[in-house]
Amino acid sequence: MLSDLFQLGGTPHVVYQDSVYERVVLTDSTSLEVYRGDSILVVFTACAPQCSSCARIYNKEWQLIKTVTPPFTSVFPLATIENGKIIWKDNDSWEY
């Protein structure tokens, strides 16, 4: 799964890393957050130009446990990981 993300081009670099959390900018328009606890939380965000995220939970062997969806309906849901929890924000904004 992670190897597929690196085919997007660009040069990935770690923005922040500690013993349980890592934020990596993959390209100018994509990023990845990973939190390692009892399970592994992953948030992938892509912007084109509006940003949208998808989130997944894996076990420690990187087997998918669950795809996490926001608790609301949104065309562009935006997620981040804070203190080991996935936090969702509605990123829908329309200009006419």
Protein backbone atom coordinates (compact mmCIF):
# COMPACT_ATOMS: atom_id res chain seq x y z
CA MET A 1 0.00 0.00 0.00
CA LEU A 2 2.64 2.55 0.99
CA SER A 3 4.81 1.70 -2.01
CA ASP A 4 1.91 2.71 -4.29
CA LEU A 5 1.89 6.20 -2.75
CA PHE A 6 5.49 6.86 -3.72
CA GLN A 7 4.61 6.45 -7.41
CA LEU A 8 2.98 9.89 -7.28
CA GLY A 9 6.29 11.63 -8.05
CA GLY A 10 8.13 14.24 -6.04
CA THR A 11 10.58 13.71 -3.22
CA PRO A 12 9.00 12.57 0.06
CA HIS A 13 10.33 14.19 3.23
CA VAL A 14 9.49 13.79 6.89
CA VAL A 15 7.97 16.97 8.34
CA TYR A 16 7.58 15.65 11.88
CA GLN A 17 8.43 12.39 13.61
CA ASP A 18 8.39 11.10 17.18
CA SER A 19 8.12 7.62 18.69
CA VAL A 20 4.46 7.11 17.65
CA TYR A 21 3.58 9.75 15.03
CA GLU A 22 4.98 10.68 11.65
CA ARG A 23 3.90 13.24 9.05
CA VAL A 24 5.41 12.89 5.58
CA VAL A 25 4.94 15.23 2.63
CA LEU A 26 4.94 12.96 -0.42
CA THR A 27 4.55 15.60 -3.14
CA ASP A 28 3.55 19.27 -3.35
CA SER A 29 -0.09 18.18 -3.14
CA THR A 30 -0.07 14.97 -1.05
CA SER A 31 0.76 14.06 2.54
CA LEU A 32 0.61 11.05 4.81
CA GLU A 33 0.16 10.83 8.58
CA VAL A 34 0.86 7.61 10.50
CA TYR A 35 0.20 6.95 14.19
CA ARG A 36 1.45 3.72 15.75
CA GLY A 37 -0.36 2.58 18.90
CA ASP A 38 -2.33 -0.60 19.58
CA SER A 39 -3.19 -0.32 15.89
CA ILE A 40 -1.81 1.84 13.08
CA LEU A 41 -3.82 4.88 11.97
CA VAL A 42 -3.10 6.23 8.49
CA VAL A 43 -4.45 9.44 6.95
CA PHE A 44 -3.67 10.22 3.31
CA THR A 45 -4.51 13.73 2.07
CA ALA A 46 -4.44 14.94 -1.54
CA CYS A 47 -5.07 18.47 -2.79
CA ALA A 48 -6.03 19.38 -6.35
CA PRO A 49 -6.53 22.25 -5.34
CA GLN A 50 -9.24 21.39 -2.74
CA CYS A 51 -7.87 18.99 -0.11
CA SER A 52 -9.56 15.71 0.76
CA SER A 53 -8.49 12.86 3.04
CA CYS A 54 -9.03 9.16 3.46
CA ALA A 55 -8.26 7.25 6.64
CA ARG A 56 -7.61 3.62 7.46
CA ILE A 57 -6.79 1.51 10.50
CA TYR A 58 -4.34 -1.38 10.22
CA ASN A 59 -3.14 -4.00 12.68
CA LYS A 60 0.57 -4.19 13.53
CA GLU A 61 1.12 -6.55 10.58
CA TRP A 62 -0.30 -3.87 8.22
CA GLN A 63 -3.48 -5.83 7.51
CA LEU A 64 -6.44 -3.52 6.93
CA ILE A 65 -8.86 -3.54 9.85
CA LYS A 66 -11.19 -0.74 8.81
CA THR A 67 -11.63 2.16 6.42
CA VAL A 68 -12.69 5.15 8.49
CA THR A 69 -15.29 7.56 7.15
CA PRO A 70 -16.17 10.98 8.54
CA PRO A 71 -19.17 11.21 10.87
CA PHE A 72 -20.84 13.63 8.42
CA THR A 73 -21.49 13.89 4.70
CA SER A 74 -18.85 15.86 2.84
CA VAL A 75 -17.55 16.08 -0.70
CA PHE A 76 -14.08 17.01 0.60
CA PRO A 77 -13.59 15.55 4.08
CA LEU A 78 -10.30 16.58 5.66
CA ALA A 79 -8.69 14.48 8.39
CA THR A 80 -5.69 14.71 10.65
CA ILE A 81 -4.39 12.67 13.56
CA GLU A 82 -4.32 14.34 16.97
CA ASN A 83 -3.27 12.46 20.11
CA GLY A 84 -3.88 9.09 18.48
CA LYS A 85 -7.35 9.94 17.17
CA ILE A 86 -8.55 10.74 13.67
CA ILE A 87 -10.14 14.20 13.64
CA TRP A 88 -12.41 15.07 10.71
CA LYS A 89 -13.27 18.51 9.33
CA ASP A 90 -15.70 19.40 6.56
CA ASN A 91 -13.54 20.99 3.88
CA ASP A 92 -16.36 21.80 1.47
CA SER A 93 -16.13 25.36 0.25
CA TRP A 94 -17.70 26.51 -2.95
CA GLU A 95 -17.07 29.74 -4.79
CA TYR A 96 -19.55 30.91 -7.41
